Amino acid sequence: MAEREFTIAAPRLLRDGRLAGPGAVSIADGRIARVFANAPSSPEILLPGGVLTPGLIDTQNNGAFGVDFAEAQGQDWPTVLGNLARHGVTAVLPTVITAPMPSIFESMARIESAAAEAGRRCAGEARILGVHLEGPFIAEARKGAHRAEWLQDPDPDTIDALMMHAPARRMLRILTLAPERAHALAAIARLAGAGVTVSIGHSDATAAEVLAAADAGATMVTHLFNAMRPFGHRDPAVPGAALTDSRFSVGLIVDGHHVDPIGCRLAFQAAGPRIVAVSDSILIAGLEAGAERRFGGAAVAKGPDGVGRRPDGTIAGAGIVLDEGVRRMIAAGIDPALMLTAATETPARAIRSAEFGRLSPGAHADLVWWDEAWQPRRIWINGKEVTP
């Protein structure tokens, strides 16, 4: 039975990278049916202030609320997906980091099953749009918190096995690799041809190697400035190529610690419409400072600054949910429309999805109403309001 159409009106809407209003959206059968430039006279829901936007899409999220996506099972999934939804994150790409290939395959199979179960529950949980595989085809010199003994080249046999593994073939949306590794350019072409967004990251590549990767089909960069050869005025490396080549969507961790706010402002000024805001959260996100867990095969603790670190001080991931990143970046001086677009429309475009991240007819009715302090106050997924 078709659901009754209803309308949500707000003083401002985020559309096409701009905040404008007043306006409204009508919703029917879980999707946006119409968008109004002016609010109708009698909307079913009249929001008294703030901004209505698409739901947040986190394309690099290793876990949160005590749950590691690579190892999650059973009740872990409604816990983490429900909590993410209540923070305005309506869609997520669980991120699996470097591990032996059999373990990666097991994680992908569990994530595929979890996505199907979440769809059947229809219980106000963030939807799983696919998997972001971060490694194992990365550079040892820029491995960060990844385990060196598990790194490998993306040789043809390994890529064949990856693409023949049914859950991986269905779920893999982003793959992060270092283009300077042996066989990387051929792997990029193979993966991009199969519809995977290939992202350059954990890389010691020169700018020339990054541009060669773009020629082969790479279209994204993973957590700009972090775990990559740094920018130099004679050696622009990965950051220089990413910020100046319009073929790249540019992932940026927005916790204000992985990249200083000045660095974040630089990135937005250079490539604002191409920035993909990510949390890069790990299972400590949503937990108290001092919490200790295991992540990626080793210990990690949440420091007083909210950042996860290994015992040797190596940063292992962020301790925030993406809505907190929105607030921090706006407080740092990023234009709100630009920041919100970086967390909604741009990530959807990076994974080639026209059904999410937009207030447009036909898109899924995944919505967030933000108050004047940029706190998410009401959230809808498929047109159904999420219980606070």
Protein backbone atom coordinates (compact mmCIF):
# COMPACT_ATOMS: atom_id res chain seq x y z
CA MET A 1 0.00 0.00 0.00
CA ALA A 2 1.35 3.41 -0.97
CA GLU A 3 2.13 5.73 1.92
CA ARG A 4 0.39 9.08 2.25
CA GLU A 5 2.44 11.97 0.93
CA PHE A 6 3.45 14.56 3.51
CA THR A 7 5.43 17.79 3.44
CA ILE A 8 8.23 19.15 5.63
CA ALA A 9 8.82 22.91 5.46
CA ALA A 10 11.89 24.71 6.80
CA PRO A 11 13.30 28.24 6.85
CA ARG A 12 16.35 27.05 4.86
CA LEU A 13 17.16 24.04 2.68
CA LEU A 14 20.52 22.76 1.43
CA ARG A 15 20.30 22.37 -2.33
CA ASP A 16 23.00 22.35 -5.00
CA GLY A 17 25.64 23.51 -2.57
CA ARG A 18 23.66 26.49 -1.28
CA LEU A 19 21.49 27.30 1.73
CA ALA A 20 18.31 28.95 0.52
CA GLY A 21 14.76 29.29 1.69
CA PRO A 22 12.18 29.15 2.91
CA GLY A 23 11.30 25.90 1.17
CA ALA A 24 9.84 22.44 1.61
CA VAL A 25 10.05 18.84 0.46
CA SER A 26 7.20 16.41 0.05
CA ILE A 27 7.78 12.74 0.75
CA ALA A 28 5.98 9.70 -0.60
CA ASP A 29 6.90 6.02 -0.33
CA GLY A 30 10.24 6.78 1.26
CA ARG A 31 11.46 9.16 -1.42
CA ILE A 32 11.37 12.85 -2.13
CA ALA A 33 8.44 13.50 -4.42
CA ARG A 34 8.68 17.27 -4.84
CA VAL A 35 10.80 20.22 -3.72
CA PHE A 36 9.17 23.61 -3.22
CA ALA A 37 11.04 26.89 -3.58
CA ASN A 38 8.55 28.39 -1.12
CA ALA A 39 6.89 26.69 1.82
CA PRO A 40 3.29 25.57 1.21
CA SER A 41 0.63 27.21 3.35
CA SER A 42 -0.20 24.11 5.44
CA PRO A 43 2.69 21.63 5.58
CA GLU A 44 2.26 18.58 7.79
CA ILE A 45 5.57 19.41 9.51
CA LEU A 46 6.66 23.03 9.94
CA LEU A 47 10.19 23.34 11.30
CA PRO A 48 10.47 26.57 13.31
CA GLY A 49 14.10 27.38 12.54
CA GLY A 50 17.41 25.92 11.44
CA VAL A 51 18.23 24.08 8.24
CA LEU A 52 16.90 20.96 6.50
CA THR A 53 19.56 18.94 4.67
CA PRO A 54 20.07 15.49 3.25
CA GLY A 55 21.34 12.94 5.74
CA LEU A 56 25.07 12.70 6.38
CA ILE A 57 27.02 10.08 4.43
CA ASP A 58 30.24 8.83 6.04
CA THR A 59 32.40 7.07 3.47
CA GLN A 60 35.25 6.29 5.87
CA ASN A 61 34.06 4.91 9.18
CA ASN A 62 35.77 1.99 10.87
CA GLY A 63 33.22 1.76 13.66
CA ALA A 64 31.83 3.61 16.67
CA PHE A 65 30.08 3.12 20.00
CA GLY A 66 32.35 0.23 20.92
CA VAL A 67 31.78 -1.66 17.65
CA ASP A 68 34.50 -2.41 15.07
CA PHE A 69 32.82 -2.82 11.68
CA ALA A 70 35.40 -5.37 10.55
CA GLU A 71 34.50 -7.68 13.45
CA ALA A 72 30.88 -6.74 14.20
CA GLN A 73 28.31 -9.48 14.67
CA GLY A 74 24.74 -9.88 15.86
CA GLN A 75 23.48 -7.13 18.13
CA ASP A 76 26.55 -5.01 17.38
CA TRP A 77 24.91 -3.83 14.17
CA PRO A 78 21.66 -2.28 15.45
CA THR A 79 23.69 -0.69 18.25
CA VAL A 80 26.14 1.13 16.00
CA LEU A 81 23.79 1.81 13.07
CA GLY A 82 21.05 3.11 15.36
CA ASN A 83 23.41 5.41 17.21
CA LEU A 84 24.87 6.75 13.97
CA ALA A 85 21.36 7.51 12.72
CA ARG A 86 20.57 9.47 15.87
CA HIS A 87 23.60 11.64 15.06
CA GLY A 88 22.31 12.39 11.57
CA VAL A 89 24.50 9.83 9.79
CA THR A 90 21.87 8.17 7.61
CA ALA A 91 24.29 6.21 5.41
CA VAL A 92 27.73 4.74 5.96
CA LEU A 93 30.43 2.76 4.21
CA PRO A 94 31.88 0.45 6.88
CA THR A 95 35.63 0.63 6.43
CA VAL A 96 37.82 -2.47 6.64
CA ILE A 97 41.53 -1.83 7.06
CA THR A 98 44.55 -3.96 6.18
CA ALA A 99 44.25 -7.61 7.18
CA PRO A 100 44.99 -10.99 5.59
CA MET A 101 42.76 -11.47 2.56
CA PRO A 102 40.73 -14.33 4.13
CA SER A 103 39.87 -12.03 7.06
CA ILE A 104 38.90 -9.25 4.64
CA PHE A 105 36.58 -11.63 2.80
CA GLU A 106 34.99 -12.70 6.09
CA SER A 107 34.41 -9.08 7.10
CA MET A 108 32.81 -8.25 3.76
CA ALA A 109 30.48 -11.24 4.02
CA ARG A 110 29.40 -10.19 7.52
CA ILE A 111 28.81 -6.60 6.38
CA GLU A 112 26.71 -7.78 3.45
CA SER A 113 24.57 -9.89 5.79
CA ALA A 114 24.28 -6.98 8.22
CA ALA A 115 23.10 -4.67 5.43
CA ALA A 116 20.37 -7.13 4.50
CA GLU A 117 19.29 -7.58 8.12
CA ALA A 118 19.19 -3.83 8.71
CA GLY A 119 17.00 -3.42 5.64
CA ARG A 120 14.57 -5.99 7.00
CA ARG A 121 14.43 -4.34 10.42
CA CYS A 122 13.51 -0.91 8.98
CA ALA A 123 14.22 0.44 12.46
CA GLY A 124 15.73 3.87 11.97
CA GLU A 125 19.29 2.73 11.43
CA ALA A 126 21.97 4.16 9.17
CA ARG A 127 21.90 2.30 5.89
CA ILE A 128 25.00 0.47 4.65
CA LEU A 129 25.84 1.63 1.12
CA GLY A 130 28.80 -0.70 0.65
CA VAL A 131 32.32 -1.27 1.95
CA HIS A 132 35.42 0.93 1.90
CA LEU A 133 38.48 -1.34 1.78
CA GLU A 134 41.47 0.65 3.07
CA GLY A 135 44.46 -1.54 2.23
CA PRO A 136 46.19 -3.95 2.12
CA PHE A 137 47.65 -2.49 -1.09
CA ILE A 138 49.30 0.49 0.60
CA ALA A 139 52.85 1.76 1.13
CA GLU A 140 54.83 0.50 4.09
CA ALA A 141 56.47 3.92 4.41
CA ARG A 142 53.02 5.50 4.94
CA LYS A 143 51.19 2.64 6.64
CA GLY A 144 50.14 4.62 9.71
CA ALA A 145 48.40 2.24 12.11
CA HIS A 146 48.19 -0.60 9.55
CA ARG A 147 50.14 -3.80 10.20
CA ALA A 148 53.23 -3.99 7.94
CA GLU A 149 53.24 -7.79 7.77
CA TRP A 150 49.82 -7.79 6.09
CA LEU A 151 50.64 -5.35 3.28
CA GLN A 152 50.88 -6.66 -0.27
CA ASP A 153 50.89 -5.69 -3.94
CA PRO A 154 47.60 -5.61 -5.88
CA ASP A 155 48.81 -8.30 -8.25
CA PRO A 156 46.41 -9.72 -10.87
CA ASP A 157 45.72 -12.94 -8.95
CA THR A 158 44.78 -11.06 -5.77
CA ILE A 159 42.54 -8.61 -7.63
CA ASP A 160 40.93 -11.54 -9.47
CA ALA A 161 40.21 -13.23 -6.14
CA LEU A 162 38.78 -10.00 -4.75
CA MET A 163 36.45 -9.45 -7.69
CA MET A 164 35.37 -13.10 -7.82
CA HIS A 165 34.44 -13.15 -4.13
CA ALA A 166 30.68 -12.63 -4.31
CA PRO A 167 30.19 -10.37 -1.25
CA ALA A 168 33.19 -8.27 -2.28
CA ARG A 169 31.93 -7.97 -5.84
CA ARG A 170 28.53 -6.77 -4.59
CA MET A 171 29.67 -4.58 -1.68
CA LEU A 172 33.01 -2.99 -2.59
CA ARG A 173 32.42 0.72 -3.26
CA ILE A 174 35.78 2.35 -2.41
CA LEU A 175 39.25 0.80 -2.38
CA THR A 176 42.23 2.77 -1.04
CA LEU A 177 45.64 1.88 -2.44
CA ALA A 178 49.10 3.31 -3.07
CA PRO A 179 49.62 3.79 -6.81
CA GLU A 180 53.39 3.33 -6.59
CA ARG A 181 53.05 -0.35 -5.66
CA ALA A 182 53.73 -2.98 -8.31
CA HIS A 183 50.72 -3.75 -10.52
CA ALA A 184 48.78 -0.80 -9.07
CA LEU A 185 47.91 0.95 -12.34
CA ALA A 186 46.51 -2.24 -13.86
CA ALA A 187 44.55 -2.89 -10.66
CA ILE A 188 43.14 0.64 -10.75
CA ALA A 189 41.92 0.17 -14.30
CA ARG A 190 40.37 -3.21 -13.45
CA LEU A 191 38.61 -1.94 -10.32
CA ALA A 192 37.40 1.30 -11.87
CA GLY A 193 36.04 -0.64 -14.82
CA ALA A 194 34.01 -2.71 -12.38
CA GLY A 195 32.47 0.43 -10.83
CA VAL A 196 34.70 0.66 -7.75
CA THR A 197 35.84 4.12 -6.67
CA VAL A 198 39.62 3.82 -6.43
CA SER A 199 41.13 6.18 -3.87
CA ILE A 200 44.79 7.13 -3.45
CA GLY A 201 45.95 6.88 0.14
CA HIS A 202 48.61 5.63 2.56
CA SER A 203 50.98 6.48 -0.26
CA ASP A 204 54.50 7.77 -0.80
CA ALA A 205 53.68 8.60 -4.43
CA THR A 206 54.98 11.58 -6.32
CA ALA A 207 52.53 13.92 -8.00
CA ALA A 208 53.38 12.32 -11.35
CA GLU A 209 52.48 8.88 -9.98
CA VAL A 210 49.20 10.22 -8.63
CA LEU A 211 48.30 11.76 -11.99
CA ALA A 212 49.15 8.47 -13.71
CA ALA A 213 46.72 6.80 -11.31
CA ALA A 214 44.04 9.31 -12.30
CA ASP A 215 44.71 8.50 -15.96
CA ALA A 216 44.17 4.82 -15.08
CA GLY A 217 40.82 5.57 -13.40
CA ALA A 218 41.44 6.64 -9.80
CA THR A 219 38.94 9.34 -8.77
CA MET A 220 39.43 9.91 -5.05
CA VAL A 221 42.07 10.60 -2.39
CA THR A 222 41.84 9.13 1.12
CA HIS A 223 42.24 11.40 4.19
CA LEU A 224 44.19 14.25 2.61
CA PHE A 225 47.51 15.09 4.32
CA ASN A 226 47.39 12.02 6.56
CA ALA A 227 49.58 8.98 5.82
CA MET A 228 50.98 10.35 2.57
CA ARG A 229 54.11 12.02 1.26
CA PRO A 230 53.72 15.64 2.38
CA PHE A 231 53.34 18.60 0.06
CA GLY A 232 56.54 20.39 -0.89
CA HIS A 233 56.93 23.34 -3.20
CA ARG A 234 59.27 21.26 -5.40
CA ASP A 235 57.62 17.95 -4.60
CA PRO A 236 53.82 18.52 -4.49
CA ALA A 237 53.19 14.79 -3.97
CA VAL A 238 49.69 13.46 -3.26
CA PRO A 239 48.26 16.66 -1.69
CA GLY A 240 49.38 18.88 -4.55
CA ALA A 241 47.92 16.58 -7.19
CA ALA A 242 44.68 16.07 -5.24
CA LEU A 243 44.03 19.77 -4.64
CA THR A 244 44.73 20.84 -8.21
CA ASP A 245 43.29 18.03 -10.35
CA SER A 246 39.51 18.24 -10.69
CA ARG A 247 39.25 14.51 -11.40
CA PHE A 248 39.67 13.79 -7.69
CA SER A 249 37.15 13.83 -4.88
CA VAL A 250 39.23 14.63 -1.81
CA GLY A 251 38.58 12.86 1.50
CA LEU A 252 39.34 14.97 4.58
CA ILE A 253 39.14 13.95 8.23
CA VAL A 254 37.20 16.74 9.94
CA ASP A 255 37.92 16.15 13.62
CA GLY A 256 40.31 19.14 13.76
CA HIS A 257 43.15 16.94 15.05
CA HIS A 258 44.13 14.72 12.13
CA VAL A 259 44.36 17.96 10.13
CA ASP A 260 44.77 21.30 11.84
CA PRO A 261 41.84 23.66 11.19
CA ILE A 262 44.14 25.87 9.10
CA GLY A 263 44.93 22.85 6.93
CA CYS A 264 41.21 22.13 6.65
CA ARG A 265 40.52 25.70 5.55
CA LEU A 266 43.30 25.42 2.97
CA ALA A 267 41.76 22.23 1.59
CA PHE A 268 38.28 23.75 1.38
CA GLN A 269 39.60 26.92 -0.26
CA ALA A 270 41.50 24.90 -2.86
CA ALA A 271 38.94 22.18 -3.60
CA GLY A 272 35.75 22.99 -1.68
CA PRO A 273 33.16 21.42 -4.01
CA ARG A 274 35.32 18.27 -4.21
CA ILE A 275 35.93 17.77 -0.48
CA VAL A 276 34.43 14.62 1.04
CA ALA A 277 34.18 15.09 4.81
CA VAL A 278 34.81 11.87 6.73
CA SER A 279 35.01 10.96 10.38
CA ASP A 280 37.60 8.15 10.02
CA SER A 281 36.10 7.10 13.32
CA ILE A 282 37.04 3.87 15.03
CA LEU A 283 35.21 1.94 17.71
CA ILE A 284 36.12 4.48 20.41
CA ALA A 285 33.85 7.12 18.84
CA GLY A 286 30.94 7.72 21.19
CA LEU A 287 32.89 6.32 24.18
CA GLU A 288 34.43 8.25 27.06
CA ALA A 289 38.01 9.54 26.99
CA GLY A 290 40.38 6.89 28.28
CA ALA A 291 38.45 3.99 26.72
CA GLU A 292 40.76 1.22 25.49
CA ARG A 293 39.95 -1.31 22.79
CA ARG A 294 41.66 -3.39 20.10
CA PHE A 295 41.54 -2.17 16.51
CA GLY A 296 43.28 -3.59 13.46
CA GLY A 297 44.96 -6.26 15.52
CA ALA A 298 46.50 -3.96 18.13
CA ALA A 299 45.57 -1.85 21.15
CA VAL A 300 44.16 1.66 20.83
CA ALA A 301 43.10 4.18 23.46
CA LYS A 302 40.97 7.33 23.28
CA GLY A 303 42.96 10.32 24.45
CA PRO A 304 41.58 13.44 26.16
CA ASP A 305 41.53 15.12 22.72
CA GLY A 306 39.25 12.35 21.45
CA VAL A 307 41.85 10.88 19.09
CA GLY A 308 42.63 7.16 19.07
CA ARG A 309 46.31 6.29 19.45
CA ARG A 310 48.43 3.15 19.58
CA PRO A 311 50.62 2.64 22.69
CA ASP A 312 53.55 4.19 20.76
CA GLY A 313 51.52 7.36 20.08
CA THR A 314 50.65 6.59 16.45
CA ILE A 315 47.25 8.00 15.52
CA ALA A 316 44.90 5.11 14.73
CA GLY A 317 41.63 6.91 13.99
CA ALA A 318 39.18 9.52 15.17
CA GLY A 319 36.89 9.47 18.16
CA ILE A 320 34.02 11.60 16.80
CA VAL A 321 30.83 11.02 14.85
CA LEU A 322 30.48 13.02 11.63
CA ASP A 323 27.97 15.53 13.00
CA GLU A 324 30.62 16.68 15.47
CA GLY A 325 32.98 17.19 12.55
CA VAL A 326 30.37 19.43 10.91
CA ARG A 327 30.22 21.59 14.02
CA ARG A 328 34.00 21.76 14.41
CA MET A 329 34.58 22.80 10.81
CA ILE A 330 31.88 25.47 10.87
CA ALA A 331 33.40 26.78 14.11
CA ALA A 332 36.78 26.81 12.33
CA GLY A 333 35.41 29.14 9.68
CA ILE A 334 34.24 26.78 6.92
CA ASP A 335 31.13 28.06 5.16
CA PRO A 336 28.16 26.02 6.47
CA ALA A 337 26.77 25.29 3.00
CA LEU A 338 30.17 24.08 1.80
CA MET A 339 30.69 21.94 4.89
CA LEU A 340 27.24 20.36 4.75
CA THR A 341 27.64 19.63 1.05
CA ALA A 342 30.96 17.92 1.81
CA ALA A 343 29.13 15.55 4.15
CA THR A 344 26.10 14.86 1.93
CA GLU A 345 26.10 15.47 -1.82
CA THR A 346 29.84 15.22 -2.50
CA PRO A 347 30.32 11.77 -0.90
CA ALA A 348 27.28 10.50 -2.81
CA ARG A 349 28.81 11.81 -6.03
CA ALA A 350 32.16 10.22 -5.15
CA ILE A 351 30.56 6.77 -5.06
CA ARG A 352 28.45 7.53 -8.15
CA SER A 353 25.09 7.48 -6.39
CA ALA A 354 22.31 9.82 -7.49
CA GLU A 355 19.81 8.45 -4.95
CA PHE A 356 21.42 9.84 -1.80
CA GLY A 357 22.81 13.10 -0.50
CA ARG A 358 20.39 15.34 -2.39
CA LEU A 359 17.13 17.16 -1.84
CA SER A 360 15.86 16.24 -5.28
CA PRO A 361 12.83 14.37 -6.61
CA GLY A 362 13.50 10.66 -6.66
CA ALA A 363 16.19 10.69 -3.99
CA HIS A 364 15.72 8.70 -0.80
CA ALA A 365 14.04 10.78 1.90
CA ASP A 366 17.00 10.67 4.29
CA LEU A 367 16.88 14.06 6.01
CA VAL A 368 18.35 15.97 8.94
CA TRP A 369 16.96 19.07 10.61
CA TRP A 370 19.75 21.11 12.23
CA ASP A 371 19.23 23.78 14.85
CA GLU A 372 21.11 27.08 14.91
CA ALA A 373 23.97 25.48 16.86
CA TRP A 374 24.31 22.80 14.16
CA GLN A 375 22.96 20.04 16.34
CA PRO A 376 20.78 17.47 14.53
CA ARG A 377 17.33 17.72 16.11
CA ARG A 378 15.15 15.51 13.90
CA ILE A 379 16.19 12.80 11.46
CA TRP A 380 14.26 10.87 8.84
CA ILE A 381 15.39 7.74 6.99
CA ASN A 382 13.24 6.65 4.06
CA GLY A 383 10.74 9.27 5.20
CA LYS A 384 10.34 7.67 8.64
CA GLU A 385 11.43 9.68 11.66
CA VAL A 386 14.24 8.21 13.75
CA THR A 387 13.44 7.79 17.43
CA PRO A 388 15.68 10.11 19.51
